[in-house]
Amino acid sequence: MERLEKQLALLMELDRLKSVLRRTRVKSADKRLENSAEHSWHVALMAILMEEHANEPVDIARVVKMLLLHDVVEIDAGDLFVYDTAASAEQEEKELKAAQRLFGMLPQEQGEELFELWTEFESANSADAKFAKALDRIIPMLLNYHNQGQSWQEHGITREQALTVNQKIQFGSEALWDKAKQIIEEATNNGWLKA
């Protein structure tokens, strides 16, 4: 019974992820910002649909788990705008503490397993993590593109920033990196990214 109570306590804590707002607006309602729970669900579905585009064979169940877990740390740490490179070192420390707290709420072996999966995603050294990271990078680009560059324009993002920040996509999927470069070029031509 204690095990179940710990699992349910974390489950209810995870509900807070629905309140963490991102900088990207949802396509279906362009006035509303996406929340981190929606992002995690969307990118996990993307993994199932895009598995064939991974550079290497992946365990899609592990990739989906990573993507469903990767942003739970934002409950404590908040969402970091991917183009805010100055804040990223501080964010890493906040996210690590959040991961330790959240996964520490679970029964020990379950918490350790999920913490290790989260850490693997963050380090992006395995084929599963590289593919998960690639998906996590491209989905906001797709939303931005289909919202006429909304977030890029609001924050004055340049073509060079978009290429530099998102080039890690290629480590998980060359096909998605080719698509990302196409998106960046079209967004630049449309004036959504500064040249």
Protein backbone atom coordinates (compact mmCIF):
# COMPACT_ATOMS: atom_id res chain seq x y z
CA MET A 1 0.00 0.00 0.00
CA GLU A 2 2.88 2.39 0.77
CA ARG A 3 4.27 1.79 -2.74
CA LEU A 4 0.94 2.71 -4.31
CA GLU A 5 0.66 5.85 -2.17
CA LYS A 6 4.11 7.02 -3.29
CA GLN A 7 3.24 6.43 -6.94
CA LEU A 8 -0.07 8.27 -6.59
CA ALA A 9 1.65 11.17 -4.80
CA LEU A 10 4.03 11.63 -7.73
CA LEU A 11 1.18 11.27 -10.20
CA MET A 12 -0.67 14.14 -8.56
CA GLU A 13 2.52 16.21 -8.41
CA LEU A 14 2.98 15.66 -12.15
CA ASP A 15 -0.36 17.37 -12.74
CA ARG A 16 1.51 20.64 -12.10
CA LEU A 17 3.28 20.21 -15.47
CA LYS A 18 0.03 21.27 -17.13
CA SER A 19 0.60 24.76 -15.67
CA VAL A 20 4.14 25.24 -17.01
CA LEU A 21 3.85 27.44 -20.08
CA ARG A 22 6.27 27.35 -22.99
CA ARG A 23 7.08 30.12 -25.49
CA THR A 24 5.41 28.35 -28.42
CA ARG A 25 1.73 28.69 -29.19
CA VAL A 26 -0.41 25.71 -30.09
CA LYS A 27 -1.33 25.55 -33.76
CA SER A 28 -5.01 24.86 -33.13
CA ALA A 29 -5.48 28.04 -31.06
CA ASP A 30 -2.80 30.55 -31.94
CA LYS A 31 -3.53 32.85 -29.00
CA ARG A 32 -2.75 30.19 -26.36
CA LEU A 33 0.71 29.13 -25.23
CA GLU A 34 1.48 25.42 -25.19
CA ASN A 35 2.12 23.89 -21.78
CA SER A 36 4.88 21.39 -21.05
CA ALA A 37 2.49 18.47 -20.53
CA GLU A 38 1.02 19.04 -24.00
CA HIS A 39 4.52 19.27 -25.46
CA SER A 40 5.56 15.97 -23.84
CA TRP A 41 2.46 14.19 -25.13
CA HIS A 42 2.90 15.62 -28.64
CA VAL A 43 6.58 14.73 -28.94
CA ALA A 44 5.96 11.21 -27.56
CA LEU A 45 3.39 10.65 -30.33
CA MET A 46 5.88 12.05 -32.81
CA ALA A 47 8.38 9.38 -31.72
CA ILE A 48 5.92 6.62 -32.58
CA LEU A 49 5.21 8.15 -35.98
CA MET A 50 8.83 9.00 -36.87
CA GLU A 51 10.71 5.93 -35.63
CA GLU A 52 11.75 5.00 -39.18
CA HIS A 53 13.67 8.28 -39.46
CA ALA A 54 16.08 7.57 -36.59
CA ASN A 55 19.72 7.33 -37.67
CA GLU A 56 20.13 4.06 -35.77
CA PRO A 57 17.70 1.40 -34.58
CA VAL A 58 15.97 2.56 -31.38
CA ASP A 59 13.85 1.00 -28.67
CA ILE A 60 10.77 3.12 -29.29
CA ALA A 61 9.23 2.27 -25.90
CA ARG A 62 12.32 3.72 -24.17
CA VAL A 63 12.24 6.78 -26.44
CA VAL A 64 8.58 7.40 -25.62
CA LYS A 65 9.29 7.02 -21.89
CA MET A 66 12.15 9.53 -22.15
CA LEU A 67 9.94 12.02 -23.94
CA LEU A 68 7.11 11.66 -21.44
CA LEU A 69 9.57 12.17 -18.57
CA HIS A 70 12.06 14.68 -20.00
CA ASP A 71 10.26 17.87 -18.97
CA VAL A 72 8.73 16.84 -15.63
CA VAL A 73 11.62 18.71 -14.01
CA GLU A 74 10.05 21.93 -15.26
CA ILE A 75 7.55 21.60 -12.40
CA ASP A 76 10.32 22.99 -10.17
CA ALA A 77 12.76 24.51 -12.67
CA GLY A 78 10.38 26.14 -15.14
CA ASP A 79 10.76 26.05 -18.91
CA LEU A 80 13.98 27.38 -20.39
CA PHE A 81 13.68 29.10 -23.75
CA VAL A 82 15.99 27.01 -25.94
CA TYR A 83 17.64 30.13 -27.39
CA ASP A 84 18.55 31.52 -23.95
CA THR A 85 22.05 30.02 -23.88
CA ALA A 86 23.17 32.25 -20.99
CA ALA A 87 20.65 30.70 -18.59
CA SER A 88 21.28 27.06 -19.59
CA ALA A 89 24.05 26.27 -17.05
CA GLU A 90 21.91 27.49 -14.15
CA GLN A 91 18.92 25.61 -15.56
CA GLU A 92 20.87 22.32 -15.61
CA GLU A 93 21.43 22.57 -11.85
CA LYS A 94 17.77 23.42 -11.19
CA GLU A 95 16.62 20.51 -13.34
CA LEU A 96 18.95 18.03 -11.63
CA LYS A 97 17.60 19.03 -8.21
CA ALA A 98 14.05 18.76 -9.55
CA ALA A 99 14.71 15.29 -10.98
CA GLN A 100 16.14 14.12 -7.67
CA ARG A 101 13.13 15.44 -5.77
CA LEU A 102 10.45 14.18 -8.14
CA PHE A 103 11.86 10.72 -8.86
CA GLY A 104 12.80 10.48 -5.17
CA MET A 105 9.08 10.49 -4.34
CA LEU A 106 8.76 7.02 -5.86
CA PRO A 107 9.68 3.64 -4.42
CA GLN A 108 13.49 3.53 -4.59
CA GLU A 109 14.07 1.13 -7.49
CA GLN A 110 11.37 2.75 -9.63
CA GLY A 111 12.66 6.24 -8.87
CA GLU A 112 16.23 5.21 -9.71
CA GLU A 113 15.12 3.66 -13.01
CA LEU A 114 13.27 6.79 -14.10
CA PHE A 115 16.07 9.07 -12.91
CA GLU A 116 18.56 7.05 -15.00
CA LEU A 117 16.29 7.30 -18.03
CA TRP A 118 15.99 11.08 -17.54
CA THR A 119 19.78 11.36 -17.15
CA GLU A 120 20.31 9.32 -20.33
CA PHE A 121 18.03 11.72 -22.23
CA GLU A 122 19.91 14.73 -20.87
CA SER A 123 23.34 13.35 -21.81
CA ALA A 124 22.14 12.24 -25.28
CA ASN A 125 24.83 9.60 -25.71
CA SER A 126 22.69 6.60 -26.65
CA ALA A 127 20.81 6.10 -29.93
CA ASP A 128 17.51 6.29 -28.02
CA ALA A 129 18.43 9.58 -26.35
CA LYS A 130 19.83 11.15 -29.53
CA PHE A 131 16.61 10.39 -31.37
CA ALA A 132 14.49 11.66 -28.46
CA LYS A 133 16.53 14.89 -28.36
CA ALA A 134 16.13 15.34 -32.12
CA LEU A 135 12.36 15.09 -31.80
CA ASP A 136 12.32 17.43 -28.80
CA ARG A 137 14.21 20.03 -30.86
CA ILE A 138 12.19 19.83 -34.06
CA ILE A 139 8.64 19.88 -32.72
CA PRO A 140 8.81 23.51 -31.49
CA MET A 141 10.28 24.42 -34.88
CA LEU A 142 7.30 22.83 -36.61
CA LEU A 143 4.85 24.71 -34.39
CA ASN A 144 6.71 27.98 -34.93
CA TYR A 145 6.75 27.45 -38.66
CA HIS A 146 3.03 26.66 -38.81
CA ASN A 147 2.33 29.73 -36.63
CA GLN A 148 4.18 32.05 -39.04
CA GLY A 149 7.31 32.15 -36.90
CA GLN A 150 5.45 33.50 -33.86
CA SER A 151 8.03 32.69 -31.16
CA TRP A 152 11.03 33.45 -33.38
CA GLN A 153 9.61 36.86 -34.25
CA GLU A 154 8.61 37.69 -30.68
CA HIS A 155 12.16 36.99 -29.48
CA GLY A 156 14.13 38.29 -32.49
CA ILE A 157 15.74 34.93 -33.28
CA THR A 158 18.19 34.82 -36.17
CA ARG A 159 18.73 32.20 -38.84
CA GLU A 160 22.19 31.52 -37.37
CA GLN A 161 20.75 30.98 -33.87
CA ALA A 162 18.17 28.55 -35.25
CA LEU A 163 20.84 26.58 -37.10
CA THR A 164 23.26 26.51 -34.15
CA VAL A 165 20.74 25.59 -31.44
CA ASN A 166 19.01 22.94 -33.54
CA GLN A 167 21.95 21.27 -35.28
CA LYS A 168 21.89 18.50 -32.67
CA ILE A 169 18.87 17.14 -34.52
CA GLN A 170 21.28 15.57 -37.02
CA PHE A 171 22.73 13.25 -34.35
CA GLY A 172 19.35 11.56 -33.93
CA SER A 173 17.90 11.89 -37.43
CA GLU A 174 19.54 13.15 -40.60
CA ALA A 175 16.12 13.15 -42.29
CA LEU A 176 14.66 15.44 -39.62
CA TRP A 177 17.76 17.66 -39.73
CA ASP A 178 17.24 18.08 -43.49
CA LYS A 179 13.63 19.07 -42.76
CA ALA A 180 14.76 21.47 -40.01
CA LYS A 181 17.19 23.20 -42.38
CA GLN A 182 14.40 23.53 -44.95
CA ILE A 183 12.13 25.07 -42.29
CA ILE A 184 14.88 27.50 -41.24
CA GLU A 185 15.50 28.61 -44.83
CA GLU A 186 11.81 29.11 -45.55
CA ALA A 187 11.32 30.97 -42.24
CA THR A 188 14.25 33.23 -43.12
CA ASN A 189 12.86 33.88 -46.59
CA ASN A 190 9.47 34.73 -45.04
CA GLY A 191 11.10 37.17 -42.60
CA TRP A 192 10.19 35.09 -39.53
CA LEU A 193 13.86 34.55 -38.66
CA LYS A 194 16.31 37.42 -38.99
CA ALA A 195 18.83 36.83 -41.79
